[in-house]
Each structure stands twice: as structure tokens, then as C-alpha cells.
């Protein structure tokens, strides 16, 4: 993929003018950070155990960025600002907002 991307930039110097990168992220409202890359080893056994629910309350944000700037964040939530699960219909709603914002930015 990286080689294809480099080849496209070599073929067309303006290629990045039309490229947007996007992603969504989940934020746990409990403040817990879910990082599988950080492991801490202690020298003694722990004297207590932290318990937390299997499915913590979270919110999900979506953002897009390019050389033109950042569009978003858009939150996956209902009219009462309660977090909702991301599904096809809700993702399409966010994409519609993105396209509208993209049109405003290009004008």
C-alpha cells in the first residue's frame, strides 16, 4: 500500500489535494485507557484488585483530516447526547455531514 501511495504521488504531484484520512475512536467515560501495548510488571503481588464493568459507558468520535485541515469531530450520539453504537445507518449520517462540510471547505 505504501509503495502504491508513493507511486501515485510520483505520477501526480497534486494527488494529496484530494486525499482525506479518517478514523473513529472510542473514549471510555470511566477514564480508563484501554491500551494493550502498555504492560506494567510489579516486583510484588498486588494487594488489591480493580474491578470494572465489562462494557463501560463510552462515546465515539469520528474525524477526517487532510492537507486542507480537519473536519469534525462528529459524535455518535442521539438527540439527548447519549452515546450510540456505530452501525451502517449512523456511519452514513456522519459521512453525509462530512460531505457537507467538505463542500463548504472547498468553496
N, C-alpha and C. Protein backbone atom coordinates (compact mmCIF):
# COMPACT_ATOMS: atom_id res chain seq x y z
N UNK A 1 0.82 -1.18 0.00
CA UNK A 1 0.00 0.00 0.00
C UNK A 1 0.87 1.25 0.00
N UNK A 2 1.95 1.23 0.80
CA UNK A 2 2.84 2.39 0.85
C UNK A 2 3.50 2.63 -0.51
N UNK A 3 3.87 1.54 -1.17
CA UNK A 3 4.51 1.69 -2.48
C UNK A 3 3.52 2.27 -3.48
N UNK A 4 2.28 1.80 -3.46
CA UNK A 4 1.24 2.33 -4.35
C UNK A 4 1.04 3.82 -4.09
N UNK A 5 1.00 4.19 -2.82
CA UNK A 5 0.80 5.59 -2.44
C UNK A 5 1.96 6.45 -2.97
N UNK A 6 3.17 5.99 -2.79
CA UNK A 6 4.35 6.73 -3.28
C UNK A 6 4.32 6.85 -4.81
N UNK A 7 3.94 5.76 -5.49
CA UNK A 7 3.84 5.81 -6.95
C UNK A 7 2.80 6.82 -7.40
N UNK A 8 1.65 6.88 -6.73
CA UNK A 8 0.60 7.85 -7.08
C UNK A 8 1.11 9.28 -6.91
N UNK A 9 1.86 9.53 -5.85
CA UNK A 9 2.40 10.88 -5.63
C UNK A 9 3.43 11.24 -6.69
N UNK A 10 4.21 10.23 -7.15
CA UNK A 10 5.18 10.48 -8.22
C UNK A 10 4.47 10.79 -9.53
N UNK A 11 3.38 10.07 -9.82
CA UNK A 11 2.62 10.28 -11.05
C UNK A 11 1.90 11.62 -11.07
N UNK A 12 1.35 12.00 -9.92
CA UNK A 12 0.53 13.21 -9.84
C UNK A 12 0.91 13.98 -8.58
N UNK A 13 1.66 15.08 -8.73
CA UNK A 13 2.10 15.85 -7.56
C UNK A 13 0.92 16.43 -6.76
N UNK A 14 -0.25 16.57 -7.38
CA UNK A 14 -1.42 17.11 -6.68
C UNK A 14 -2.31 16.02 -6.10
N UNK A 15 -1.83 14.78 -6.08
CA UNK A 15 -2.61 13.65 -5.60
C UNK A 15 -3.16 13.87 -4.19
N UNK A 16 -2.32 14.41 -3.31
CA UNK A 16 -2.72 14.60 -1.91
C UNK A 16 -3.79 15.68 -1.73
N UNK A 17 -4.03 16.48 -2.78
CA UNK A 17 -5.07 17.51 -2.68
C UNK A 17 -6.45 16.90 -2.46
N UNK A 18 -6.66 15.66 -2.91
CA UNK A 18 -7.96 15.02 -2.81
C UNK A 18 -8.00 13.83 -1.85
N UNK A 19 -6.96 13.68 -1.02
CA UNK A 19 -6.91 12.55 -0.10
C UNK A 19 -7.29 13.01 1.31
N UNK A 20 -8.25 12.30 1.90
CA UNK A 20 -8.66 12.54 3.28
C UNK A 20 -8.44 11.27 4.07
N UNK A 21 -7.92 11.40 5.27
CA UNK A 21 -7.73 10.28 6.18
C UNK A 21 -8.76 10.43 7.29
N UNK A 22 -9.42 9.33 7.65
CA UNK A 22 -10.42 9.42 8.70
C UNK A 22 -10.33 8.20 9.61
N UNK A 23 -10.84 8.39 10.82
CA UNK A 23 -10.88 7.28 11.77
C UNK A 23 -11.85 7.66 12.88
N UNK A 24 -12.29 6.65 13.58
CA UNK A 24 -13.12 6.89 14.75
C UNK A 24 -12.39 6.34 15.97
N UNK A 25 -12.70 6.92 17.11
CA UNK A 25 -12.07 6.49 18.36
C UNK A 25 -13.13 6.41 19.45
N UNK A 26 -12.96 5.46 20.33
CA UNK A 26 -13.86 5.29 21.46
C UNK A 26 -13.19 5.87 22.71
N UNK A 27 -13.93 6.65 23.46
CA UNK A 27 -13.44 7.22 24.71
C UNK A 27 -14.29 6.67 25.84
N UNK A 28 -13.65 5.96 26.76
CA UNK A 28 -14.37 5.40 27.90
C UNK A 28 -14.63 6.51 28.91
N UNK A 29 -15.88 6.69 29.29
CA UNK A 29 -16.26 7.77 30.20
C UNK A 29 -15.81 7.51 31.63
N UNK A 30 -15.37 6.30 31.91
CA UNK A 30 -14.85 5.98 33.24
C UNK A 30 -13.45 6.54 33.44
N UNK A 31 -12.81 6.98 32.37
CA UNK A 31 -11.44 7.48 32.46
C UNK A 31 -10.39 6.41 32.23
N UNK A 32 -10.82 5.15 32.14
CA UNK A 32 -9.88 4.05 31.89
C UNK A 32 -9.35 4.13 30.47
N UNK A 33 -8.06 3.93 30.29
CA UNK A 33 -7.45 3.90 28.97
C UNK A 33 -7.20 2.45 28.61
N UNK A 34 -7.76 2.02 27.48
CA UNK A 34 -7.61 0.65 27.03
C UNK A 34 -6.40 0.57 26.11
N UNK A 35 -5.27 0.25 26.66
CA UNK A 35 -4.05 0.16 25.87
C UNK A 35 -3.44 -1.22 26.05
N UNK A 36 -3.47 -2.00 25.01
CA UNK A 36 -2.90 -3.35 25.07
C UNK A 36 -1.38 -3.33 24.88
N UNK A 37 -0.84 -2.16 24.54
CA UNK A 37 0.60 -2.07 24.30
C UNK A 37 1.40 -1.72 25.56
N UNK A 38 0.73 -1.31 26.61
CA UNK A 38 1.41 -0.94 27.85
C UNK A 38 1.17 -2.00 28.92
N UNK A 39 2.24 -2.63 29.33
CA UNK A 39 2.15 -3.65 30.38
C UNK A 39 3.12 -3.24 31.48
N UNK A 40 2.63 -3.20 32.71
CA UNK A 40 3.47 -2.83 33.84
C UNK A 40 3.63 -4.04 34.74
N UNK A 41 4.87 -4.40 34.99
CA UNK A 41 5.15 -5.54 35.85
C UNK A 41 5.62 -5.00 37.20
N UNK A 42 5.05 -5.51 38.28
CA UNK A 42 5.46 -5.09 39.62
C UNK A 42 6.43 -6.09 40.22
N UNK A 43 7.11 -5.65 41.26
CA UNK A 43 8.06 -6.55 41.92
C UNK A 43 7.39 -7.35 43.03
N UNK A 44 6.17 -6.94 43.42
CA UNK A 44 5.43 -7.67 44.46
C UNK A 44 4.00 -7.89 43.97
N UNK A 45 3.33 -8.92 44.51
CA UNK A 45 1.94 -9.16 44.12
C UNK A 45 1.05 -7.98 44.56
N UNK A 46 0.04 -7.67 43.79
CA UNK A 46 -0.84 -6.55 44.18
C UNK A 46 -1.65 -6.91 45.43
N UNK A 47 -1.93 -5.89 46.25
CA UNK A 47 -2.71 -6.15 47.45
C UNK A 47 -4.19 -5.85 47.25
N UNK A 48 -4.56 -5.43 46.07
CA UNK A 48 -5.98 -5.21 45.76
C UNK A 48 -6.21 -5.45 44.26
N UNK A 49 -7.46 -5.62 43.93
CA UNK A 49 -7.83 -5.88 42.53
C UNK A 49 -8.85 -4.84 42.10
N UNK A 50 -8.60 -4.20 40.99
CA UNK A 50 -9.52 -3.20 40.44
C UNK A 50 -10.54 -3.92 39.56
N UNK A 51 -11.80 -3.75 39.87
CA UNK A 51 -12.85 -4.35 39.07
C UNK A 51 -13.58 -3.24 38.32
N UNK A 52 -13.91 -3.52 37.09
CA UNK A 52 -14.67 -2.57 36.30
C UNK A 52 -15.64 -3.35 35.42
N UNK A 53 -16.73 -2.70 34.99
CA UNK A 53 -17.71 -3.40 34.16
C UNK A 53 -17.11 -3.88 32.85
N UNK A 54 -17.65 -4.95 32.33
CA UNK A 54 -17.17 -5.48 31.06
C UNK A 54 -17.36 -4.47 29.93
N UNK A 55 -18.50 -3.79 29.91
CA UNK A 55 -18.79 -2.81 28.87
C UNK A 55 -19.00 -1.45 29.51
N UNK A 56 -17.95 -0.65 29.59
CA UNK A 56 -18.04 0.67 30.18
C UNK A 56 -18.78 1.62 29.25
N UNK A 57 -19.40 2.65 29.85
CA UNK A 57 -20.03 3.68 29.05
C UNK A 57 -18.95 4.40 28.26
N UNK A 58 -19.21 4.64 27.01
CA UNK A 58 -18.20 5.28 26.16
C UNK A 58 -18.89 6.21 25.16
N UNK A 59 -18.09 7.05 24.56
CA UNK A 59 -18.58 7.86 23.46
C UNK A 59 -17.62 7.63 22.29
N UNK A 60 -18.13 7.82 21.09
CA UNK A 60 -17.34 7.57 19.89
C UNK A 60 -17.29 8.83 19.06
N UNK A 61 -16.09 9.20 18.64
CA UNK A 61 -15.89 10.38 17.80
C UNK A 61 -15.30 9.97 16.47
N UNK A 62 -15.64 10.72 15.42
CA UNK A 62 -15.10 10.50 14.08
C UNK A 62 -14.50 11.81 13.59
N UNK A 63 -13.30 11.74 12.99
CA UNK A 63 -12.61 12.91 12.48
C UNK A 63 -11.96 12.58 11.15
N UNK A 64 -11.91 13.56 10.25
CA UNK A 64 -11.19 13.42 8.99
C UNK A 64 -10.16 14.54 8.89
N UNK A 65 -9.02 14.25 8.26
CA UNK A 65 -8.01 15.28 8.09
C UNK A 65 -7.31 15.13 6.75
N UNK A 66 -6.83 16.23 6.27
CA UNK A 66 -6.06 16.26 5.03
C UNK A 66 -5.13 17.45 5.10
N UNK A 67 -4.47 17.75 3.99
CA UNK A 67 -3.61 18.93 3.97
C UNK A 67 -4.43 20.21 4.05
N UNK A 68 -5.73 20.10 3.83
CA UNK A 68 -6.62 21.26 3.89
C UNK A 68 -7.08 21.56 5.31
N UNK A 69 -6.95 20.62 6.21
CA UNK A 69 -7.38 20.84 7.58
C UNK A 69 -8.09 19.64 8.16
N UNK A 70 -8.85 19.89 9.22
CA UNK A 70 -9.56 18.84 9.95
C UNK A 70 -11.05 19.11 9.86
N UNK A 71 -11.82 18.05 9.63
CA UNK A 71 -13.28 18.13 9.66
C UNK A 71 -13.75 17.21 10.78
N UNK A 72 -14.52 17.76 11.67
CA UNK A 72 -15.03 17.01 12.80
C UNK A 72 -14.54 17.65 14.08
N UNK A 73 -14.68 17.01 15.20
CA UNK A 73 -15.19 15.66 15.35
C UNK A 73 -16.71 15.61 15.27
N UNK A 74 -17.20 14.48 14.82
CA UNK A 74 -18.62 14.16 14.84
C UNK A 74 -18.80 13.06 15.86
N UNK A 75 -19.78 13.23 16.72
CA UNK A 75 -20.04 12.27 17.80
C UNK A 75 -21.20 11.36 17.43
N UNK A 76 -21.06 10.11 17.74
CA UNK A 76 -22.15 9.14 17.53
C UNK A 76 -23.03 9.18 18.77
N UNK A 77 -24.05 10.03 18.72
CA UNK A 77 -24.95 10.16 19.86
C UNK A 77 -26.35 10.51 19.38
N UNK A 78 -27.33 10.29 20.26
CA UNK A 78 -28.71 10.59 19.91
C UNK A 78 -29.03 12.05 20.22
N UNK A 79 -30.30 12.43 20.06
CA UNK A 79 -30.72 13.81 20.29
C UNK A 79 -30.53 14.26 21.73
N UNK A 80 -30.48 13.30 22.65
CA UNK A 80 -30.27 13.62 24.07
C UNK A 80 -28.80 13.54 24.46
N UNK A 81 -27.93 13.46 23.46
CA UNK A 81 -26.48 13.39 23.64
C UNK A 81 -26.03 12.14 24.38
N UNK A 82 -26.77 11.05 24.21
CA UNK A 82 -26.35 9.75 24.75
C UNK A 82 -25.59 9.01 23.66
N UNK A 83 -24.50 8.41 24.05
CA UNK A 83 -23.66 7.68 23.10
C UNK A 83 -24.43 6.52 22.48
N UNK A 84 -24.21 6.29 21.18
CA UNK A 84 -24.88 5.20 20.46
C UNK A 84 -23.83 4.31 19.80
N UNK A 85 -24.20 3.07 19.59
CA UNK A 85 -23.34 2.13 18.89
C UNK A 85 -23.22 2.54 17.42
N UNK A 86 -22.03 2.39 16.88
CA UNK A 86 -21.81 2.71 15.47
C UNK A 86 -22.36 1.56 14.63
N UNK A 87 -23.25 1.91 13.70
CA UNK A 87 -23.75 0.93 12.75
C UNK A 87 -23.76 1.59 11.37
N UNK A 88 -24.20 0.88 10.36
CA UNK A 88 -24.17 1.39 8.99
C UNK A 88 -24.96 2.68 8.85
N UNK A 89 -26.17 2.70 9.37
CA UNK A 89 -27.02 3.88 9.23
C UNK A 89 -26.40 5.11 9.89
N UNK A 90 -25.88 4.94 11.10
CA UNK A 90 -25.27 6.07 11.81
C UNK A 90 -23.98 6.51 11.14
N UNK A 91 -23.21 5.56 10.61
CA UNK A 91 -21.98 5.92 9.93
C UNK A 91 -22.30 6.71 8.66
N UNK A 92 -23.35 6.33 7.94
CA UNK A 92 -23.76 7.09 6.76
C UNK A 92 -24.20 8.50 7.12
N UNK A 93 -24.83 8.67 8.27
CA UNK A 93 -25.21 10.01 8.72
C UNK A 93 -23.97 10.88 8.94
N UNK A 94 -22.93 10.30 9.53
CA UNK A 94 -21.69 11.04 9.74
C UNK A 94 -21.04 11.36 8.39
N UNK A 95 -21.07 10.40 7.46
CA UNK A 95 -20.50 10.66 6.14
C UNK A 95 -21.23 11.79 5.42
N UNK A 96 -22.54 11.87 5.60
CA UNK A 96 -23.32 12.95 5.00
C UNK A 96 -22.87 14.29 5.56
N UNK A 97 -22.66 14.36 6.88
CA UNK A 97 -22.16 15.59 7.50
C UNK A 97 -20.77 15.93 6.96
N UNK A 98 -19.93 14.89 6.80
CA UNK A 98 -18.58 15.11 6.27
C UNK A 98 -18.63 15.69 4.87
N UNK A 99 -19.44 15.11 3.99
CA UNK A 99 -19.53 15.62 2.61
C UNK A 99 -20.03 17.05 2.58
N UNK A 100 -20.98 17.38 3.46
CA UNK A 100 -21.48 18.76 3.52
C UNK A 100 -20.36 19.70 3.98
N UNK A 101 -19.61 19.30 4.99
CA UNK A 101 -18.50 20.13 5.48
C UNK A 101 -17.40 20.23 4.43
N UNK A 102 -17.17 19.17 3.71
CA UNK A 102 -16.15 19.18 2.66
C UNK A 102 -16.55 20.16 1.57
N UNK A 103 -17.81 20.18 1.18
CA UNK A 103 -18.30 21.14 0.18
C UNK A 103 -18.13 22.56 0.64
N UNK A 104 -18.40 22.84 1.91
CA UNK A 104 -18.22 24.20 2.45
C UNK A 104 -16.76 24.58 2.47
N UNK A 105 -15.88 23.63 2.73
CA UNK A 105 -14.47 23.94 2.83
C UNK A 105 -13.84 24.22 1.46
N UNK A 106 -14.34 23.58 0.43
CA UNK A 106 -13.78 23.75 -0.91
C UNK A 106 -14.25 25.03 -1.60
N UNK A 107 -15.30 25.66 -1.06
CA UNK A 107 -15.85 26.86 -1.71
C UNK A 107 -14.96 28.04 -1.46
